Amino acid sequence: MCDLGALPKDTDIDAVIKDLGLDKPPKDPTTMSAQELIAEIRDIVSKLVSYGARLPKELMLFIKNLLFLDAAIATLAPDLDLIGETFQVATYFATKHGQRLAAETGTQEHPFEIDLEGFKASLGLDSSVESLTYAELQERRKIIRKRFEEHRRKEGRRSLRRRK
């Protein structure tokens, strides 16, 4: 994130990891209420801003490309196993470009150990999950979206009552 310009170069990454709770087991957003999700998002954004985080152009372009990829997978391969595909892509890069990646990132030059736990955690999954299809991911998103919509309706009703 520092190399992409999303965080200042002198950022203490260990402190960021600790502050954001990235050193703890993942939280499954499908088990959280809308209020808990909103509080979690606010907390993360507040902490990132306090570190001077920003979204540089390159990162935004990367995110845009991920959105195009997301739409393509939804249309062309809803039964694609995201965890399995991620492992295959990581294996390819480690095999074909491992030495260069190790040299450029300053890591040891022995073969990479591919660990998908961080990827699983980013989806709110624990390490016991072996596969996740795109269709299953869409269902998880639907649960979260429904909770936010219910929360928004409740907040709207509360706001109306306060005005009266």
N, C-alpha and C. Protein backbone atom coordinates (compact mmCIF):
# COMPACT_ATOMS: atom_id res chain seq x y z
N MET A 1 0.82 -1.19 0.00
CA MET A 1 0.00 0.00 0.00
C MET A 1 0.87 1.26 0.00
N CYS A 2 2.01 1.18 0.67
CA CYS A 2 2.93 2.33 0.67
C CYS A 2 3.51 2.53 -0.72
N ASP A 3 3.91 1.43 -1.36
CA ASP A 3 4.49 1.52 -2.70
C ASP A 3 3.49 2.05 -3.72
N LEU A 4 2.20 1.78 -3.53
CA LEU A 4 1.17 2.28 -4.43
C LEU A 4 0.80 3.73 -4.13
N GLY A 5 1.29 4.26 -3.01
CA GLY A 5 0.98 5.63 -2.64
C GLY A 5 -0.30 5.76 -1.83
N ALA A 6 -0.88 4.64 -1.40
CA ALA A 6 -2.11 4.68 -0.63
C ALA A 6 -1.84 5.08 0.82
N LEU A 7 -0.63 4.82 1.29
CA LEU A 7 -0.21 5.21 2.64
C LEU A 7 1.14 5.90 2.52
N PRO A 8 1.43 6.85 3.40
CA PRO A 8 2.75 7.50 3.36
C PRO A 8 3.88 6.47 3.49
N LYS A 9 5.00 6.76 2.85
CA LYS A 9 6.14 5.83 2.82
C LYS A 9 6.64 5.44 4.21
N ASP A 10 6.52 6.35 5.18
CA ASP A 10 7.05 6.08 6.52
C ASP A 10 6.02 5.45 7.46
N THR A 11 4.92 4.96 6.92
CA THR A 11 3.87 4.36 7.74
C THR A 11 4.37 3.09 8.43
N ASP A 12 4.06 2.94 9.69
CA ASP A 12 4.38 1.73 10.45
C ASP A 12 3.33 0.68 10.11
N ILE A 13 3.66 -0.20 9.19
CA ILE A 13 2.69 -1.19 8.70
C ILE A 13 2.25 -2.13 9.81
N ASP A 14 3.15 -2.49 10.71
CA ASP A 14 2.76 -3.36 11.83
C ASP A 14 1.69 -2.69 12.68
N ALA A 15 1.80 -1.38 12.87
CA ALA A 15 0.79 -0.64 13.65
C ALA A 15 -0.54 -0.62 12.90
N VAL A 16 -0.50 -0.44 11.58
CA VAL A 16 -1.73 -0.45 10.77
C VAL A 16 -2.41 -1.80 10.88
N ILE A 17 -1.64 -2.86 10.76
CA ILE A 17 -2.18 -4.22 10.85
C ILE A 17 -2.87 -4.42 12.19
N LYS A 18 -2.21 -3.98 13.25
CA LYS A 18 -2.79 -4.13 14.60
C LYS A 18 -4.03 -3.26 14.77
N ASP A 19 -3.94 -1.99 14.36
CA ASP A 19 -5.07 -1.07 14.51
C ASP A 19 -6.31 -1.51 13.73
N LEU A 20 -6.09 -2.06 12.55
CA LEU A 20 -7.22 -2.50 11.72
C LEU A 20 -7.69 -3.91 12.08
N GLY A 21 -6.98 -4.57 12.99
CA GLY A 21 -7.38 -5.91 13.41
C GLY A 21 -7.08 -6.98 12.37
N LEU A 22 -6.13 -6.68 11.48
CA LEU A 22 -5.79 -7.64 10.43
C LEU A 22 -5.01 -8.83 10.97
N ASP A 23 -4.57 -8.72 12.22
CA ASP A 23 -3.85 -9.82 12.86
C ASP A 23 -4.80 -10.75 13.61
N LYS A 24 -6.10 -10.50 13.50
CA LYS A 24 -7.11 -11.29 14.20
C LYS A 24 -7.88 -12.14 13.18
N PRO A 25 -8.62 -13.13 13.66
CA PRO A 25 -9.42 -13.93 12.73
C PRO A 25 -10.40 -13.03 11.96
N PRO A 26 -10.72 -13.41 10.72
CA PRO A 26 -11.62 -12.57 9.92
C PRO A 26 -13.02 -12.50 10.50
N LYS A 27 -13.67 -11.39 10.26
CA LYS A 27 -15.06 -11.23 10.65
C LYS A 27 -15.92 -11.54 9.43
N ASP A 28 -16.89 -12.40 9.60
CA ASP A 28 -17.78 -12.77 8.50
C ASP A 28 -18.89 -11.73 8.42
N PRO A 29 -18.89 -10.90 7.38
CA PRO A 29 -19.89 -9.84 7.30
C PRO A 29 -21.33 -10.36 7.19
N THR A 30 -21.50 -11.62 6.77
CA THR A 30 -22.86 -12.16 6.66
C THR A 30 -23.45 -12.49 8.03
N THR A 31 -22.62 -12.48 9.06
CA THR A 31 -23.12 -12.76 10.41
C THR A 31 -23.29 -11.48 11.23
N MET A 32 -22.98 -10.34 10.63
CA MET A 32 -23.04 -9.06 11.33
C MET A 32 -24.32 -8.32 10.98
N SER A 33 -24.82 -7.55 11.92
CA SER A 33 -25.98 -6.71 11.65
C SER A 33 -25.53 -5.50 10.83
N ALA A 34 -26.48 -4.79 10.26
CA ALA A 34 -26.15 -3.58 9.50
C ALA A 34 -25.43 -2.58 10.39
N GLN A 35 -25.89 -2.43 11.63
CA GLN A 35 -25.25 -1.48 12.55
C GLN A 35 -23.80 -1.88 12.81
N GLU A 36 -23.56 -3.16 12.99
CA GLU A 36 -22.19 -3.63 13.23
C GLU A 36 -21.32 -3.39 12.00
N LEU A 37 -21.86 -3.65 10.81
CA LEU A 37 -21.11 -3.42 9.57
C LEU A 37 -20.78 -1.94 9.40
N ILE A 38 -21.77 -1.08 9.63
CA ILE A 38 -21.55 0.35 9.50
C ILE A 38 -20.50 0.82 10.49
N ALA A 39 -20.60 0.36 11.73
CA ALA A 39 -19.61 0.73 12.75
C ALA A 39 -18.22 0.25 12.35
N GLU A 40 -18.14 -0.95 11.84
CA GLU A 40 -16.85 -1.52 11.41
C GLU A 40 -16.25 -0.69 10.27
N ILE A 41 -17.07 -0.35 9.28
CA ILE A 41 -16.58 0.44 8.14
C ILE A 41 -16.13 1.82 8.60
N ARG A 42 -16.94 2.46 9.45
CA ARG A 42 -16.56 3.79 9.96
C ARG A 42 -15.25 3.73 10.73
N ASP A 43 -15.09 2.70 11.54
CA ASP A 43 -13.87 2.55 12.33
C ASP A 43 -12.65 2.38 11.43
N ILE A 44 -12.76 1.53 10.43
CA ILE A 44 -11.65 1.28 9.50
C ILE A 44 -11.31 2.54 8.73
N VAL A 45 -12.32 3.21 8.19
CA VAL A 45 -12.07 4.43 7.40
C VAL A 45 -11.43 5.50 8.28
N SER A 46 -11.93 5.67 9.49
CA SER A 46 -11.37 6.66 10.42
C SER A 46 -9.90 6.36 10.71
N LYS A 47 -9.59 5.10 10.95
CA LYS A 47 -8.20 4.74 11.24
C LYS A 47 -7.30 4.94 10.02
N LEU A 48 -7.79 4.58 8.84
CA LEU A 48 -7.00 4.77 7.63
C LEU A 48 -6.74 6.25 7.37
N VAL A 49 -7.75 7.07 7.57
CA VAL A 49 -7.58 8.52 7.38
C VAL A 49 -6.55 9.06 8.37
N SER A 50 -6.58 8.54 9.60
CA SER A 50 -5.61 9.02 10.60
C SER A 50 -4.17 8.66 10.20
N TYR A 51 -4.01 7.63 9.39
CA TYR A 51 -2.68 7.26 8.90
C TYR A 51 -2.31 8.02 7.62
N GLY A 52 -3.25 8.82 7.11
CA GLY A 52 -2.97 9.58 5.88
C GLY A 52 -3.26 8.79 4.63
N ALA A 53 -4.14 7.79 4.72
CA ALA A 53 -4.46 6.97 3.56
C ALA A 53 -5.17 7.80 2.50
N ARG A 54 -4.93 7.44 1.26
CA ARG A 54 -5.60 8.06 0.13
C ARG A 54 -5.72 7.03 -0.98
N LEU A 55 -6.52 7.34 -1.99
CA LEU A 55 -6.70 6.43 -3.11
C LEU A 55 -6.05 7.03 -4.36
N PRO A 56 -4.80 6.66 -4.62
CA PRO A 56 -4.12 7.20 -5.81
C PRO A 56 -4.75 6.66 -7.09
N LYS A 57 -4.49 7.36 -8.18
CA LYS A 57 -5.06 7.03 -9.48
C LYS A 57 -4.82 5.57 -9.86
N GLU A 58 -3.60 5.08 -9.65
CA GLU A 58 -3.26 3.71 -10.03
C GLU A 58 -4.12 2.69 -9.30
N LEU A 59 -4.36 2.95 -8.01
CA LEU A 59 -5.18 2.04 -7.22
C LEU A 59 -6.64 2.09 -7.69
N MET A 60 -7.12 3.27 -8.01
CA MET A 60 -8.50 3.39 -8.51
C MET A 60 -8.66 2.67 -9.85
N LEU A 61 -7.66 2.76 -10.71
CA LEU A 61 -7.71 2.05 -11.99
C LEU A 61 -7.71 0.54 -11.78
N PHE A 62 -6.93 0.08 -10.81
CA PHE A 62 -6.91 -1.34 -10.46
C PHE A 62 -8.28 -1.78 -9.98
N ILE A 63 -8.91 -0.99 -9.12
CA ILE A 63 -10.24 -1.32 -8.60
C ILE A 63 -11.25 -1.33 -9.75
N LYS A 64 -11.14 -0.38 -10.66
CA LYS A 64 -12.03 -0.34 -11.82
C LYS A 64 -11.89 -1.63 -12.65
N ASN A 65 -10.66 -2.07 -12.85
CA ASN A 65 -10.43 -3.31 -13.60
C ASN A 65 -11.04 -4.51 -12.87
N LEU A 66 -10.96 -4.51 -11.54
CA LEU A 66 -11.57 -5.60 -10.77
C LEU A 66 -13.09 -5.61 -10.94
N LEU A 67 -13.68 -4.43 -11.05
CA LEU A 67 -15.14 -4.37 -11.27
C LEU A 67 -15.52 -4.95 -12.63
N PHE A 68 -14.72 -4.67 -13.66
CA PHE A 68 -14.96 -5.26 -14.97
C PHE A 68 -14.82 -6.79 -14.90
N LEU A 69 -13.80 -7.25 -14.21
CA LEU A 69 -13.58 -8.68 -14.04
C LEU A 69 -14.75 -9.32 -13.30
N ASP A 70 -15.22 -8.64 -12.26
CA ASP A 70 -16.36 -9.13 -11.48
C ASP A 70 -17.58 -9.32 -12.38
N ALA A 71 -17.86 -8.33 -13.23
CA ALA A 71 -19.02 -8.43 -14.14
C ALA A 71 -18.84 -9.56 -15.14
N ALA A 72 -17.62 -9.73 -15.63
CA ALA A 72 -17.37 -10.80 -16.61
C ALA A 72 -17.56 -12.17 -15.97
N ILE A 73 -17.06 -12.35 -14.76
CA ILE A 73 -17.22 -13.64 -14.08
C ILE A 73 -18.70 -13.91 -13.81
N ALA A 74 -19.44 -12.89 -13.40
CA ALA A 74 -20.87 -13.05 -13.13
C ALA A 74 -21.60 -13.57 -14.36
N THR A 75 -21.23 -13.06 -15.51
CA THR A 75 -21.89 -13.44 -16.75
C THR A 75 -21.38 -14.76 -17.31
N LEU A 76 -20.07 -14.93 -17.33
CA LEU A 76 -19.47 -16.05 -18.05
C LEU A 76 -19.15 -17.27 -17.19
N ALA A 77 -18.94 -17.09 -15.89
CA ALA A 77 -18.49 -18.22 -15.07
C ALA A 77 -18.98 -18.13 -13.63
N PRO A 78 -20.31 -18.13 -13.42
CA PRO A 78 -20.81 -18.01 -12.04
C PRO A 78 -20.43 -19.18 -11.13
N ASP A 79 -20.08 -20.32 -11.71
CA ASP A 79 -19.70 -21.49 -10.90
C ASP A 79 -18.18 -21.62 -10.72
N LEU A 80 -17.46 -20.58 -11.10
CA LEU A 80 -16.00 -20.56 -10.95
C LEU A 80 -15.63 -20.59 -9.47
N ASP A 81 -14.71 -21.48 -9.11
CA ASP A 81 -14.22 -21.55 -7.73
C ASP A 81 -13.16 -20.47 -7.55
N LEU A 82 -13.51 -19.41 -6.86
CA LEU A 82 -12.62 -18.27 -6.70
C LEU A 82 -11.34 -18.62 -5.94
N ILE A 83 -11.47 -19.45 -4.93
CA ILE A 83 -10.29 -19.83 -4.14
C ILE A 83 -9.35 -20.69 -4.99
N GLY A 84 -9.90 -21.64 -5.70
CA GLY A 84 -9.09 -22.50 -6.56
C GLY A 84 -8.40 -21.72 -7.67
N GLU A 85 -9.12 -20.80 -8.30
CA GLU A 85 -8.53 -19.98 -9.36
C GLU A 85 -7.44 -19.07 -8.83
N THR A 86 -7.68 -18.50 -7.66
CA THR A 86 -6.67 -17.63 -7.05
C THR A 86 -5.40 -18.43 -6.78
N PHE A 87 -5.57 -19.67 -6.30
CA PHE A 87 -4.41 -20.53 -6.05
C PHE A 87 -3.66 -20.82 -7.36
N GLN A 88 -4.41 -21.10 -8.43
CA GLN A 88 -3.77 -21.38 -9.72
C GLN A 88 -2.99 -20.18 -10.24
N VAL A 89 -3.58 -19.00 -10.14
CA VAL A 89 -2.90 -17.79 -10.62
C VAL A 89 -1.65 -17.52 -9.76
N ALA A 90 -1.79 -17.65 -8.45
CA ALA A 90 -0.64 -17.43 -7.56
C ALA A 90 0.47 -18.44 -7.85
N THR A 91 0.09 -19.69 -8.10
CA THR A 91 1.07 -20.73 -8.42
C THR A 91 1.79 -20.39 -9.72
N TYR A 92 1.05 -19.95 -10.72
CA TYR A 92 1.65 -19.58 -11.99
C TYR A 92 2.70 -18.48 -11.80
N PHE A 93 2.31 -17.41 -11.10
CA PHE A 93 3.24 -16.30 -10.90
C PHE A 93 4.43 -16.71 -10.06
N ALA A 94 4.21 -17.52 -9.04
CA ALA A 94 5.32 -17.97 -8.20
C ALA A 94 6.28 -18.84 -9.01
N THR A 95 5.74 -19.68 -9.90
CA THR A 95 6.56 -20.58 -10.71
C THR A 95 7.31 -19.81 -11.80
N LYS A 96 6.60 -18.98 -12.53
CA LYS A 96 7.19 -18.28 -13.68
C LYS A 96 8.00 -17.04 -13.30
N HIS A 97 7.59 -16.35 -12.23
CA HIS A 97 8.22 -15.07 -11.91
C HIS A 97 8.65 -14.98 -10.45
N GLY A 98 8.75 -16.12 -9.78
CA GLY A 98 9.05 -16.14 -8.36
C GLY A 98 10.35 -15.45 -7.98
N GLN A 99 11.41 -15.71 -8.73
CA GLN A 99 12.70 -15.11 -8.40
C GLN A 99 12.66 -13.60 -8.55
N ARG A 100 12.04 -13.13 -9.62
CA ARG A 100 11.94 -11.68 -9.82
C ARG A 100 11.08 -11.04 -8.74
N LEU A 101 9.96 -11.66 -8.42
CA LEU A 101 9.09 -11.14 -7.37
C LEU A 101 9.83 -11.08 -6.03
N ALA A 102 10.58 -12.14 -5.75
CA ALA A 102 11.34 -12.19 -4.50
C ALA A 102 12.39 -11.08 -4.47
N ALA A 103 13.08 -10.89 -5.59
CA ALA A 103 14.12 -9.85 -5.65
C ALA A 103 13.51 -8.45 -5.51
N GLU A 104 12.38 -8.20 -6.17
CA GLU A 104 11.77 -6.87 -6.14
C GLU A 104 11.08 -6.57 -4.82
N THR A 105 10.64 -7.60 -4.11
CA THR A 105 9.97 -7.37 -2.83
C THR A 105 10.91 -7.55 -1.65
N GLY A 106 12.15 -7.98 -1.93
CA GLY A 106 13.13 -8.13 -0.86
C GLY A 106 12.89 -9.35 0.00
N THR A 107 12.18 -10.34 -0.51
CA THR A 107 11.94 -11.57 0.25
C THR A 107 12.99 -12.60 -0.13
N GLN A 108 13.00 -13.68 0.58
CA GLN A 108 13.98 -14.73 0.30
C GLN A 108 13.72 -15.31 -1.09
N GLU A 109 14.77 -15.84 -1.70
CA GLU A 109 14.65 -16.34 -3.06
C GLU A 109 14.27 -17.81 -3.15
N HIS A 110 13.88 -18.44 -2.04
CA HIS A 110 13.43 -19.82 -2.14
C HIS A 110 11.98 -19.82 -2.65
N PRO A 111 11.49 -20.96 -3.13
CA PRO A 111 10.13 -21.01 -3.70
C PRO A 111 9.09 -20.46 -2.72
N PHE A 112 8.15 -19.73 -3.30
CA PHE A 112 7.08 -19.14 -2.50
C PHE A 112 6.18 -20.21 -1.92
N GLU A 113 5.73 -19.97 -0.72
CA GLU A 113 4.68 -20.81 -0.13
C GLU A 113 3.39 -20.03 -0.35
N ILE A 114 2.47 -20.61 -1.08
CA ILE A 114 1.23 -19.90 -1.39
C ILE A 114 0.25 -20.12 -0.25
N ASP A 115 -0.12 -19.02 0.36
CA ASP A 115 -1.01 -19.04 1.52
C ASP A 115 -2.25 -18.23 1.18
N LEU A 116 -3.39 -18.88 1.08
CA LEU A 116 -4.62 -18.20 0.69
C LEU A 116 -5.43 -17.69 1.88
N GLU A 117 -4.86 -17.77 3.08
CA GLU A 117 -5.62 -17.36 4.27
C GLU A 117 -6.00 -15.89 4.22
N GLY A 118 -5.11 -15.02 3.75
CA GLY A 118 -5.41 -13.60 3.65
C GLY A 118 -6.52 -13.34 2.65
N PHE A 119 -6.49 -14.07 1.54
CA PHE A 119 -7.54 -13.94 0.53
C PHE A 119 -8.89 -14.37 1.12
N LYS A 120 -8.88 -15.50 1.80
CA LYS A 120 -10.12 -15.99 2.44
C LYS A 120 -10.61 -14.98 3.47
N ALA A 121 -9.70 -14.45 4.26
CA ALA A 121 -10.07 -13.48 5.29
C ALA A 121 -10.69 -12.23 4.66
N SER A 122 -10.18 -11.82 3.49
CA SER A 122 -10.73 -10.62 2.84
C SER A 122 -12.18 -10.83 2.42
N LEU A 123 -12.59 -12.09 2.30
CA LEU A 123 -13.97 -12.41 1.97
C LEU A 123 -14.80 -12.74 3.20
N GLY A 124 -14.17 -12.62 4.38
CA GLY A 124 -14.86 -12.93 5.62
C GLY A 124 -14.98 -14.41 5.89
N LEU A 125 -14.08 -15.19 5.30
CA LEU A 125 -14.12 -16.65 5.44
C LEU A 125 -13.01 -17.10 6.39
N ASP A 126 -13.25 -18.19 7.10
CA ASP A 126 -12.18 -18.73 7.92
C ASP A 126 -11.39 -19.76 7.12
N SER A 127 -10.32 -20.25 7.69
CA SER A 127 -9.40 -21.12 6.96
C SER A 127 -10.00 -22.48 6.60
N SER A 128 -11.12 -22.85 7.22
CA SER A 128 -11.71 -24.15 6.92
C SER A 128 -12.42 -24.20 5.57
N VAL A 129 -12.73 -23.04 5.00
CA VAL A 129 -13.44 -23.00 3.72
C VAL A 129 -12.46 -23.36 2.61
N GLU A 130 -12.80 -24.37 1.83
CA GLU A 130 -11.91 -24.84 0.77
C GLU A 130 -12.25 -24.28 -0.60
N SER A 131 -13.53 -23.95 -0.83
CA SER A 131 -13.91 -23.41 -2.13
C SER A 131 -15.05 -22.41 -1.95
N LEU A 132 -15.15 -21.51 -2.89
CA LEU A 132 -16.22 -20.52 -2.89
C LEU A 132 -16.47 -20.15 -4.34
N THR A 133 -17.66 -20.51 -4.83
CA THR A 133 -17.98 -20.16 -6.21
C THR A 133 -18.40 -18.69 -6.27
N TYR A 134 -18.37 -18.15 -7.46
CA TYR A 134 -18.80 -16.78 -7.64
C TYR A 134 -20.27 -16.64 -7.26
N ALA A 135 -21.07 -17.63 -7.59
CA ALA A 135 -22.50 -17.60 -7.24
C ALA A 135 -22.67 -17.56 -5.71
N GLU A 136 -21.84 -18.29 -4.98
CA GLU A 136 -21.90 -18.26 -3.52
C GLU A 136 -21.49 -16.89 -2.98
N LEU A 137 -20.50 -16.29 -3.62
CA LEU A 137 -20.08 -14.95 -3.23
C LEU A 137 -21.22 -13.97 -3.45
N GLN A 138 -21.92 -14.11 -4.56
CA GLN A 138 -23.07 -13.24 -4.84
C GLN A 138 -24.14 -13.39 -3.77
N GLU A 139 -24.36 -14.61 -3.30
CA GLU A 139 -25.34 -14.83 -2.22
C GLU A 139 -24.91 -14.13 -0.94
N ARG A 140 -23.63 -14.18 -0.64
CA ARG A 140 -23.10 -13.48 0.55
C ARG A 140 -23.32 -11.98 0.40
N ARG A 141 -23.06 -11.45 -0.79
CA ARG A 141 -23.27 -10.03 -1.04
C ARG A 141 -24.74 -9.66 -0.89
N LYS A 142 -25.61 -10.54 -1.36
CA LYS A 142 -27.05 -10.29 -1.28
C LYS A 142 -27.51 -10.18 0.18
N ILE A 143 -26.98 -11.04 1.04
CA ILE A 143 -27.31 -11.00 2.47
C ILE A 143 -26.91 -9.65 3.06
N ILE A 144 -25.70 -9.23 2.75
CA ILE A 144 -25.19 -7.96 3.28
C ILE A 144 -26.01 -6.79 2.75
N ARG A 145 -26.28 -6.80 1.44
CA ARG A 145 -27.06 -5.72 0.83
C ARG A 145 -28.44 -5.63 1.45
N LYS A 146 -29.08 -6.78 1.70
CA LYS A 146 -30.41 -6.81 2.31
C LYS A 146 -30.38 -6.19 3.70
N ARG A 147 -29.36 -6.50 4.47
CA ARG A 147 -29.24 -5.92 5.82
C ARG A 147 -29.08 -4.41 5.77
N PHE A 148 -28.28 -3.93 4.82
CA PHE A 148 -28.12 -2.48 4.68
C PHE A 148 -29.43 -1.81 4.26
N GLU A 149 -30.15 -2.44 3.34
CA GLU A 149 -31.43 -1.88 2.90
C GLU A 149 -32.43 -1.85 4.05
N GLU A 150 -32.49 -2.90 4.84
CA GLU A 150 -33.39 -2.92 6.00
C GLU A 150 -33.01 -1.83 7.00
N HIS A 151 -31.72 -1.67 7.21
CA HIS A 151 -31.23 -0.64 8.13
C HIS A 151 -31.62 0.75 7.61
N ARG A 152 -31.45 0.98 6.31
CA ARG A 152 -31.77 2.27 5.71
C ARG A 152 -33.27 2.57 5.86
N ARG A 153 -34.11 1.56 5.65
CA ARG A 153 -35.56 1.76 5.80
C ARG A 153 -35.90 2.11 7.25
N LYS A 154 -35.30 1.38 8.20
CA LYS A 154 -35.56 1.66 9.62
C LYS A 154 -35.11 3.07 9.98
N GLU A 155 -33.93 3.46 9.52
CA GLU A 155 -33.41 4.79 9.81
C GLU A 155 -34.32 5.85 9.19
N GLY A 156 -34.82 5.59 7.98
CA GLY A 156 -35.74 6.52 7.32
C GLY A 156 -37.02 6.70 8.12
N ARG A 157 -37.56 5.60 8.66
CA ARG A 157 -38.77 5.68 9.47
C ARG A 157 -38.51 6.45 10.76
N ARG A 158 -37.37 6.21 11.39
CA ARG A 158 -37.01 6.93 12.61
C ARG A 158 -36.89 8.42 12.35
N SER A 159 -36.28 8.77 11.22
CA SER A 159 -36.11 10.16 10.86
C SER A 159 -37.47 10.83 10.66
N LEU A 160 -38.40 10.14 10.01
CA LEU A 160 -39.74 10.69 9.81
C LEU A 160 -40.45 10.91 11.13
N ARG A 161 -40.32 9.96 12.04
CA ARG A 161 -40.96 10.08 13.36
C ARG A 161 -40.39 11.27 14.14
N ARG A 162 -39.09 11.50 14.04
CA ARG A 162 -38.47 12.62 14.73
C ARG A 162 -38.96 13.96 14.18
N ARG A 163 -39.21 14.03 12.88
CA ARG A 163 -39.67 15.27 12.26
C ARG A 163 -41.09 15.62 12.69
N LYS A 164 -41.88 14.58 12.95
CA LYS A 164 -43.30 14.81 13.34
C LYS A 164 -43.33 15.28 14.71
